[in-house]
PDB file of N, CA and C in Angstrom:
ATOM      1  N   MET A   1      87.652  94.111 119.896  1.00  0.00           N
ATOM      2  CA  MET A   1      87.380  94.970 118.742  1.00  0.00           C
ATOM      3  C   MET A   1      86.678  94.111 117.677  1.00  0.00           C
ATOM      4  N   ARG A   2      85.620  94.631 117.102  1.00  0.00           N
ATOM      5  CA  ARG A   2      84.867  93.972 116.041  1.00  0.00           C
ATOM      6  C   ARG A   2      85.667  94.012 114.757  1.00  0.00           C
ATOM      7  N   LYS A   3      85.669  92.914 113.996  1.00  0.00           N
ATOM      8  CA  LYS A   3      86.336  92.878 112.705  1.00  0.00           C
ATOM      9  C   LYS A   3      85.599  93.730 111.746  1.00  0.00           C
ATOM     10  N   LYS A   4      86.330  94.447 110.861  1.00  0.00           N
ATOM     11  CA  LYS A   4      85.764  95.373 109.926  1.00  0.00           C
ATOM     12  C   LYS A   4      85.841  94.844 108.500  1.00  0.00           C
ATOM     13  N   SER A   5      84.878  95.200 107.691  1.00  0.00           N
ATOM     14  CA  SER A   5      84.957  94.898 106.256  1.00  0.00           C
ATOM     15  C   SER A   5      85.897  95.913 105.608  1.00  0.00           C
ATOM     16  N   LEU A   6      86.273  95.671 104.392  1.00  0.00           N
ATOM     17  CA  LEU A   6      87.134  96.622 103.674  1.00  0.00           C
ATOM     18  C   LEU A   6      86.439  97.956 103.542  1.00  0.00           C
ATOM     19  N   ASP A   7      85.127  97.994 103.292  1.00  0.00           N
ATOM     20  CA  ASP A   7      84.410  99.259 103.237  1.00  0.00           C
ATOM     21  C   ASP A   7      84.517 100.006 104.546  1.00  0.00           C
ATOM     22  N   ASP A   8      84.407  99.304 105.648  1.00  0.00           N
ATOM     23  CA  ASP A   8      84.555  99.937 106.993  1.00  0.00           C
ATOM     24  C   ASP A   8      85.904 100.543 107.167  1.00  0.00           C
ATOM     25  N   VAL A   9      86.927  99.827 106.733  1.00  0.00           N
ATOM     26  CA  VAL A   9      88.318 100.268 106.850  1.00  0.00           C
ATOM     27  C   VAL A   9      88.505 101.583 106.054  1.00  0.00           C
ATOM     28  N   PHE A  10      87.977 101.641 104.854  1.00  0.00           N
ATOM     29  CA  PHE A  10      88.137 102.848 104.038  1.00  0.00           C
ATOM     30  C   PHE A  10      87.427 104.015 104.713  1.00  0.00           C
ATOM     31  N   LYS A  11      86.294 103.783 105.312  1.00  0.00           N
ATOM     32  CA  LYS A  11      85.552 104.847 106.012  1.00  0.00           C
ATOM     33  C   LYS A  11      86.346 105.364 107.179  1.00  0.00           C
ATOM     34  N   LEU A  12      87.112 104.493 107.841  1.00  0.00           N
ATOM     35  CA  LEU A  12      87.856 104.857 109.054  1.00  0.00           C
ATOM     36  C   LEU A  12      89.225 105.515 108.730  1.00  0.00           C
ATOM     37  N   MET A  13      89.675 105.383 107.478  1.00  0.00           N
ATOM     38  CA  MET A  13      90.981 105.934 107.153  1.00  0.00           C
ATOM     39  C   MET A  13      90.985 107.418 107.379  1.00  0.00           C
ATOM     40  N   GLY A  14      92.008 107.901 108.028  1.00  0.00           N
ATOM     41  CA  GLY A  14      92.118 109.312 108.345  1.00  0.00           C
ATOM     42  C   GLY A  14      91.459 109.713 109.647  1.00  0.00           C
ATOM     43  N   THR A  15      90.807 108.775 110.304  1.00  0.00           N
ATOM     44  CA  THR A  15      90.220 109.065 111.630  1.00  0.00           C
ATOM     45  C   THR A  15      91.161 108.564 112.696  1.00  0.00           C
ATOM     46  N   GLU A  16      90.857 108.833 113.930  1.00  0.00           N
ATOM     47  CA  GLU A  16      91.693 108.418 115.067  1.00  0.00           C
ATOM     48  C   GLU A  16      91.285 107.012 115.556  1.00  0.00           C
ATOM     49  N   GLN A  17      90.305 106.362 114.919  1.00  0.00           N
ATOM     50  CA  GLN A  17      89.846 105.106 115.402  1.00  0.00           C
ATOM     51  C   GLN A  17      90.763 103.955 114.970  1.00  0.00           C
ATOM     52  N   PRO A  18      91.035 103.013 115.867  1.00  0.00           N
ATOM     53  CA  PRO A  18      91.907 101.885 115.497  1.00  0.00           C
ATOM     54  C   PRO A  18      91.159 100.883 114.589  1.00  0.00           C
ATOM     55  N   VAL A  19      91.885 100.246 113.731  1.00  0.00           N
ATOM     56  CA  VAL A  19      91.376  99.221 112.835  1.00  0.00           C
ATOM     57  C   VAL A  19      92.302  98.030 112.904  1.00  0.00           C
ATOM     58  N   GLU A  20      91.697  96.836 113.093  1.00  0.00           N
ATOM     59  CA  GLU A  20      92.479  95.626 113.131  1.00  0.00           C
ATOM     60  C   GLU A  20      92.494  95.045 111.699  1.00  0.00           C
ATOM     61  N   VAL A  21      93.629  94.808 111.143  1.00  0.00           N
ATOM     62  CA  VAL A  21      93.776  94.268 109.818  1.00  0.00           C
ATOM     63  C   VAL A  21      94.296  92.830 109.980  1.00  0.00           C
ATOM     64  N   ILE A  22      93.557  91.866 109.441  1.00  0.00           N
ATOM     65  CA  ILE A  22      93.931  90.476 109.504  1.00  0.00           C
ATOM     66  C   ILE A  22      94.418  90.051 108.112  1.00  0.00           C
ATOM     67  N   PRO A  23      95.597  89.472 108.012  1.00  0.00           N
ATOM     68  CA  PRO A  23      96.089  89.067 106.688  1.00  0.00           C
ATOM     69  C   PRO A  23      95.212  88.037 106.045  1.00  0.00           C
ATOM     70  N   ASN A  24      95.178  88.085 104.736  1.00  0.00           N
ATOM     71  CA  ASN A  24      94.432  87.117 103.937  1.00  0.00           C
ATOM     72  C   ASN A  24      95.129  85.767 104.114  1.00  0.00           C
ATOM     73  N   SER A  25      94.419  84.750 104.503  1.00  0.00           N
ATOM     74  CA  SER A  25      95.011  83.440 104.823  1.00  0.00           C
ATOM     75  C   SER A  25      95.745  82.811 103.630  1.00  0.00           C
ATOM     76  N   ARG A  26      95.294  83.071 102.405  1.00  0.00           N
ATOM     77  CA  ARG A  26      95.964  82.461 101.268  1.00  0.00           C
ATOM     78  C   ARG A  26      97.319  83.082 100.978  1.00  0.00           C
ATOM     79  N   ASN A  27      97.643  84.224 101.564  1.00  0.00           N
ATOM     80  CA  ASN A  27      98.922  84.867 101.336  1.00  0.00           C
ATOM     81  C   ASN A  27      99.897  84.592 102.490  1.00  0.00           C
ATOM     82  N   ASN A  28      99.502  83.880 103.501  1.00  0.00           N
ATOM     83  CA  ASN A  28     100.339  83.668 104.679  1.00  0.00           C
ATOM     84  C   ASN A  28     101.630  82.923 104.365  1.00  0.00           C
ATOM     85  N   THR A  29     101.610  82.104 103.332  1.00  0.00           N
ATOM     86  CA  THR A  29     102.800  81.289 103.060  1.00  0.00           C
ATOM     87  C   THR A  29     103.747  82.002 102.092  1.00  0.00           C
ATOM     88  N   ILE A  30     103.389  83.108 101.538  1.00  0.00           N
ATOM     89  CA  ILE A  30     104.230  83.821 100.591  1.00  0.00           C
ATOM     90  C   ILE A  30     105.189  84.760 101.358  1.00  0.00           C
ATOM     91  N   ASP A  31     106.438  84.659 101.045  1.00  0.00           N
ATOM     92  CA  ASP A  31     107.457  85.493 101.630  1.00  0.00           C
ATOM     93  C   ASP A  31     107.632  86.720 100.688  1.00  0.00           C
ATOM     94  N   TRP A  32     106.814  87.772 100.877  1.00  0.00           N
ATOM     95  CA  TRP A  32     106.833  88.946 100.001  1.00  0.00           C
ATOM     96  C   TRP A  32     108.177  89.666 100.137  1.00  0.00           C
ATOM     97  N   LYS A  33     108.797  89.974  98.969  1.00  0.00           N
ATOM     98  CA  LYS A  33     110.091  90.619  98.937  1.00  0.00           C
ATOM     99  C   LYS A  33     109.968  92.057  98.429  1.00  0.00           C
ATOM    100  N   THR A  34     110.935  92.906  98.816  1.00  0.00           N
ATOM    101  CA  THR A  34     110.970  94.272  98.353  1.00  0.00           C
ATOM    102  C   THR A  34     111.539  94.327  96.943  1.00  0.00           C
ATOM    103  N   THR A  35     111.395  95.508  96.327  1.00  0.00           N
ATOM    104  CA  THR A  35     111.957  95.685  94.954  1.00  0.00           C
ATOM    105  C   THR A  35     113.442  95.435  94.977  1.00  0.00           C
ATOM    106  N   LYS A  36     114.142  95.957  95.960  1.00  0.00           N
ATOM    107  CA  LYS A  36     115.598  95.763  96.020  1.00  0.00           C
ATOM    108  C   LYS A  36     115.969  94.286  96.213  1.00  0.00           C
ATOM    109  N   GLN A  37     115.259  93.582  97.063  1.00  0.00           N
ATOM    110  CA  GLN A  37     115.523  92.172  97.271  1.00  0.00           C
ATOM    111  C   GLN A  37     115.354  91.342  95.999  1.00  0.00           C
ATOM    112  N   VAL A  38     114.286  91.672  95.245  1.00  0.00           N
ATOM    113  CA  VAL A  38     114.057  90.946  93.986  1.00  0.00           C
ATOM    114  C   VAL A  38     115.144  91.307  92.990  1.00  0.00           C
ATOM    115  N   ALA A  39     115.486  92.578  92.885  1.00  0.00           N
ATOM    116  CA  ALA A  39     116.541  92.996  91.971  1.00  0.00           C
ATOM    117  C   ALA A  39     117.853  92.307  92.248  1.00  0.00           C
ATOM    118  N   ASP A  40     118.228  92.279  93.546  1.00  0.00           N
ATOM    119  CA  ASP A  40     119.477  91.637  93.977  1.00  0.00           C
ATOM    120  C   ASP A  40     119.435  90.148  93.636  1.00  0.00           C
ATOM    121  N   SER A  41     118.336  89.510  93.903  1.00  0.00           N
ATOM    122  CA  SER A  41     118.206  88.091  93.640  1.00  0.00           C
ATOM    123  C   SER A  41     118.310  87.732  92.145  1.00  0.00           C
ATOM    124  N   LEU A  42     117.739  88.621  91.297  1.00  0.00           N
ATOM    125  CA  LEU A  42     117.744  88.379  89.855  1.00  0.00           C
ATOM    126  C   LEU A  42     119.000  88.955  89.180  1.00  0.00           C
ATOM    127  N   GLY A  43     119.786  89.713  89.930  1.00  0.00           N
ATOM    128  CA  GLY A  43     121.006  90.286  89.338  1.00  0.00           C
ATOM    129  C   GLY A  43     120.776  91.455  88.399  1.00  0.00           C
ATOM    130  N   VAL A  44     119.682  92.187  88.672  1.00  0.00           N
ATOM    131  CA  VAL A  44     119.351  93.355  87.857  1.00  0.00           C
ATOM    132  C   VAL A  44     119.158  94.575  88.753  1.00  0.00           C
ATOM    133  N   SER A  45     118.979  95.744  88.176  1.00  0.00           N
ATOM    134  CA  SER A  45     118.700  96.941  88.962  1.00  0.00           C
ATOM    135  C   SER A  45     117.256  96.985  89.368  1.00  0.00           C
ATOM    136  N   LYS A  46     116.968  97.771  90.395  1.00  0.00           N
ATOM    137  CA  LYS A  46     115.571  97.937  90.816  1.00  0.00           C
ATOM    138  C   LYS A  46     114.763  98.635  89.729  1.00  0.00           C
ATOM    139  N   TYR A  47     115.431  99.418  88.911  1.00  0.00           N
ATOM    140  CA  TYR A  47     114.752 100.090  87.799  1.00  0.00           C
ATOM    141  C   TYR A  47     114.259  99.101  86.722  1.00  0.00           C
ATOM    142  N   LYS A  48     115.026  98.045  86.557  1.00  0.00           N
ATOM    143  CA  LYS A  48     114.649  96.970  85.619  1.00  0.00           C
ATOM    144  C   LYS A  48     113.390  96.260  86.135  1.00  0.00           C
ATOM    145  N   VAL A  49     113.347  96.025  87.453  1.00  0.00           N
ATOM    146  CA  VAL A  49     112.172  95.386  88.071  1.00  0.00           C
ATOM    147  C   VAL A  49     110.949  96.278  87.845  1.00  0.00           C
ATOM    148  N   LEU A  50     111.108  97.556  88.070  1.00  0.00           N
ATOM    149  CA  LEU A  50     109.966  98.513  87.876  1.00  0.00           C
ATOM    150  C   LEU A  50     109.543  98.592  86.406  1.00  0.00           C
ATOM    151  N   GLU A  51     110.532  98.424  85.514  1.00  0.00           N
ATOM    152  CA  GLU A  51     110.257  98.416  84.067  1.00  0.00           C
ATOM    153  C   GLU A  51     109.375  97.180  83.708  1.00  0.00           C
ATOM    154  N   TRP A  52     109.680  96.046  84.335  1.00  0.00           N
ATOM    155  CA  TRP A  52     108.895  94.864  84.117  1.00  0.00           C
ATOM    156  C   TRP A  52     107.435  95.033  84.556  1.00  0.00           C
ATOM    157  N   ILE A  53     107.237  95.787  85.624  1.00  0.00           N
ATOM    158  CA  ILE A  53     105.867  96.100  86.067  1.00  0.00           C
ATOM    159  C   ILE A  53     105.180  96.950  85.030  1.00  0.00           C
ATOM    160  N   ARG A  54     105.855  98.056  84.594  1.00  0.00           N
ATOM    161  CA  ARG A  54     105.252  98.932  83.587  1.00  0.00           C
ATOM    162  C   ARG A  54     104.950  98.230  82.267  1.00  0.00           C
ATOM    163  N   SER A  55     105.798  97.295  81.902  1.00  0.00           N
ATOM    164  CA  SER A  55     105.616  96.567  80.606  1.00  0.00           C
ATOM    165  C   SER A  55     104.598  95.417  80.780  1.00  0.00           C
ATOM    166  N   GLU A  56     104.135  95.213  81.984  1.00  0.00           N
ATOM    167  CA  GLU A  56     103.173  94.150  82.305  1.00  0.00           C
ATOM    168  C   GLU A  56     103.725  92.758  82.153  1.00  0.00           C
ATOM    169  N   ALA A  57     105.062  92.639  82.231  1.00  0.00           N
ATOM    170  CA  ALA A  57     105.679  91.306  82.283  1.00  0.00           C
ATOM    171  C   ALA A  57     105.308  90.593  83.579  1.00  0.00           C
ATOM    172  N   PHE A  58     105.165  91.394  84.667  1.00  0.00           N
ATOM    173  CA  PHE A  58     104.689  90.869  85.948  1.00  0.00           C
ATOM    174  C   PHE A  58     103.205  91.175  86.072  1.00  0.00           C
ATOM    175  N   GLN A  59     102.455  90.208  86.553  1.00  0.00           N
ATOM    176  CA  GLN A  59     100.975  90.400  86.738  1.00  0.00           C
ATOM    177  C   GLN A  59     100.689  90.769  88.213  1.00  0.00           C
ATOM    178  N   VAL A  60      99.917  91.800  88.372  1.00  0.00           N
ATOM    179  CA  VAL A  60      99.483  92.242  89.663  1.00  0.00           C
ATOM    180  C   VAL A  60      98.690  91.130  90.330  1.00  0.00           C
ATOM    181  N   GLY A  61      98.935  90.867  91.605  1.00  0.00           N
ATOM    182  CA  GLY A  61      98.242  89.809  92.324  1.00  0.00           C
ATOM    183  C   GLY A  61      98.887  88.456  92.184  1.00  0.00           C
ATOM    184  N   ILE A  62      99.728  88.281  91.170  1.00  0.00           N
ATOM    185  CA  ILE A  62     100.437  87.016  91.035  1.00  0.00           C
ATOM    186  C   ILE A  62     101.919  87.210  91.316  1.00  0.00           C
ATOM    187  N   HIS A  63     102.540  88.101  90.588  1.00  0.00           N
ATOM    188  CA  HIS A  63     103.977  88.351  90.755  1.00  0.00           C
ATOM    189  C   HIS A  63     104.266  89.487  91.771  1.00  0.00           C
ATOM    190  N   TYR A  64     103.341  90.403  91.871  1.00  0.00           N
ATOM    191  CA  TYR A  64     103.568  91.548  92.782  1.00  0.00           C
ATOM    192  C   TYR A  64     102.220  92.111  93.268  1.00  0.00           C
ATOM    193  N   ARG A  65     102.338  92.942  94.272  1.00  0.00           N
ATOM    194  CA  ARG A  65     101.203  93.726  94.752  1.00  0.00           C
ATOM    195  C   ARG A  65     101.671  95.062  95.245  1.00  0.00           C
ATOM    196  N   ASN A  66     100.776  96.045  95.275  1.00  0.00           N
ATOM    197  CA  ASN A  66     101.075  97.355  95.735  1.00  0.00           C
ATOM    198  C   ASN A  66     100.473  97.486  97.135  1.00  0.00           C
ATOM    199  N   ILE A  67     101.305  97.697  98.153  1.00  0.00           N
ATOM    200  CA  ILE A  67     100.850  97.725  99.535  1.00  0.00           C
ATOM    201  C   ILE A  67     100.642  99.166  99.982  1.00  0.00           C
ATOM    202  N   SER A  68     100.792 100.129  99.117  1.00  0.00           N
ATOM    203  CA  SER A  68     100.684 101.543  99.490  1.00  0.00           C
ATOM    204  C   SER A  68      99.287 102.052  99.344  1.00  0.00           C
ATOM    205  N   PHE A  69      98.871 102.981 100.176  1.00  0.00           N
ATOM    206  CA  PHE A  69      97.587 103.674 100.009  1.00  0.00           C
ATOM    207  C   PHE A  69      97.739 104.881  99.112  1.00  0.00           C
ATOM    208  N   ASN A  70      99.024 105.281  98.822  1.00  0.00           N
ATOM    209  CA  ASN A  70      99.304 106.472  98.031  1.00  0.00           C
ATOM    210  C   ASN A  70      99.611 106.022  96.573  1.00  0.00           C
ATOM    211  N   LYS A  71      98.661 106.350  95.690  1.00  0.00           N
ATOM    212  CA  LYS A  71      98.826 105.909  94.281  1.00  0.00           C
ATOM    213  C   LYS A  71      99.982 106.634  93.577  1.00  0.00           C
ATOM    214  N   ASN A  72     100.379 107.825  94.084  1.00  0.00           N
ATOM    215  CA  ASN A  72     101.447 108.545  93.460  1.00  0.00           C
ATOM    216  C   ASN A  72     102.811 107.966  93.815  1.00  0.00           C
ATOM    217  N   ARG A  73     102.900 107.217  94.882  1.00  0.00           N
ATOM    218  CA  ARG A  73     104.203 106.610  95.271  1.00  0.00           C
ATOM    219  C   ARG A  73     103.919 105.152  95.719  1.00  0.00           C
ATOM    220  N   PRO A  74     103.840 104.235  94.766  1.00  0.00           N
ATOM    221  CA  PRO A  74     103.523 102.850  95.083  1.00  0.00           C
ATOM    222  C   PRO A  74     104.663 102.186  95.887  1.00  0.00           C
ATOM    223  N   THR A  75     104.314 101.262  96.720  1.00  0.00           N
ATOM    224  CA  THR A  75     105.231 100.426  97.440  1.00  0.00           C
ATOM    225  C   THR A  75     104.907  98.993  97.047  1.00  0.00           C
ATOM    226  N   TYR A  76     105.808  98.369  96.329  1.00  0.00           N
ATOM    227  CA  TYR A  76     105.569  97.040  95.798  1.00  0.00           C
ATOM    228  C   TYR A  76     106.172  95.956  96.680  1.00  0.00           C
ATOM    229  N   ARG A  77     105.476  94.797  96.702  1.00  0.00           N
ATOM    230  CA  ARG A  77     106.052  93.569  97.278  1.00  0.00           C
ATOM    231  C   ARG A  77     105.889  92.479  96.203  1.00  0.00           C
ATOM    232  N   PHE A  78     106.860  91.609  96.186  1.00  0.00           N
ATOM    233  CA  PHE A  78     106.959  90.604  95.089  1.00  0.00           C
ATOM    234  C   PHE A  78     106.991  89.216  95.654  1.00  0.00           C
ATOM    235  N   ASP A  79     106.417  88.287  94.870  1.00  0.00           N
ATOM    236  CA  ASP A  79     106.493  86.870  95.156  1.00  0.00           C
ATOM    237  C   ASP A  79     107.641  86.311  94.301  1.00  0.00           C
ATOM    238  N   LEU A  80     108.812  86.220  94.868  1.00  0.00           N
ATOM    239  CA  LEU A  80     110.016  85.825  94.124  1.00  0.00           C
ATOM    240  C   LEU A  80     109.880  84.409  93.567  1.00  0.00           C
ATOM    241  N   GLU A  81     109.154  83.547  94.247  1.00  0.00           N
ATOM    242  CA  GLU A  81     108.959  82.191  93.747  1.00  0.00           C
ATOM    243  C   GLU A  81     108.202  82.205  92.429  1.00  0.00           C
ATOM    244  N   LYS A  82     107.140  83.000  92.325  1.00  0.00           N
ATOM    245  CA  LYS A  82     106.357  83.108  91.104  1.00  0.00           C
ATOM    246  C   LYS A  82     107.170  83.796  90.015  1.00  0.00           C
ATOM    247  N   ILE A  83     107.983  84.757  90.367  1.00  0.00           N
ATOM    248  CA  ILE A  83     108.828  85.433  89.377  1.00  0.00           C
ATOM    249  C   ILE A  83     109.861  84.489  88.814  1.00  0.00           C
ATOM    250  N   ASN A  84     110.467  83.685  89.675  1.00  0.00           N
ATOM    251  CA  ASN A  84     111.402  82.667  89.198  1.00  0.00           C
ATOM    252  C   ASN A  84     110.774  81.672  88.270  1.00  0.00           C
ATOM    253  N   GLN A  85     109.520  81.271  88.563  1.00  0.00           N
ATOM    254  CA  GLN A  85     108.786  80.340  87.716  1.00  0.00           C
ATOM    255  C   GLN A  85     108.516  81.007  86.335  1.00  0.00           C
ATOM    256  N   LEU A  86     108.271  82.306  86.336  1.00  0.00           N
ATOM    257  CA  LEU A  86     108.068  83.013  85.043  1.00  0.00           C
ATOM    258  C   LEU A  86     109.286  82.968  84.192  1.00  0.00           C
ATOM    259  N   PHE A  87     110.451  83.152  84.775  1.00  0.00           N
ATOM    260  CA  PHE A  87     111.712  83.144  84.031  1.00  0.00           C
ATOM    261  C   PHE A  87     112.151  81.731  83.596  1.00  0.00           C
ATOM    262  N   GLU A  88     111.672  80.737  84.334  1.00  0.00           N
ATOM    263  CA  GLU A  88     112.023  79.352  83.978  1.00  0.00           C
ATOM    264  C   GLU A  88     111.251  78.857  82.795  1.00  0.00           C
ATOM    265  N   ALA A  89     110.076  79.450  82.557  1.00  0.00           N
ATOM    266  CA  ALA A  89     109.194  78.957  81.481  1.00  0.00           C
ATOM    267  C   ALA A  89     109.769  79.265  80.102  1.00  0.00           C
TER     268      ALA A  89
END
């Protein structure tokens, strides 16, 4: 199967054609955590974690990312190491 650009992937979304997605190599070493895992690790509720996103205490692409294609119901993943560094500062 030929590798696709992101534009090609968006064109194929909703079709029956398979798409191979290759992870970005610079993110391979990050152990992305769920909202609940981050909340449990920090000793707060998951709603507090979501509040930090809304208040922009966490920066997209650094502390978290949205892995969902549905903008109405985001699915977040977090870099707990970067978040811990933020709180240590």
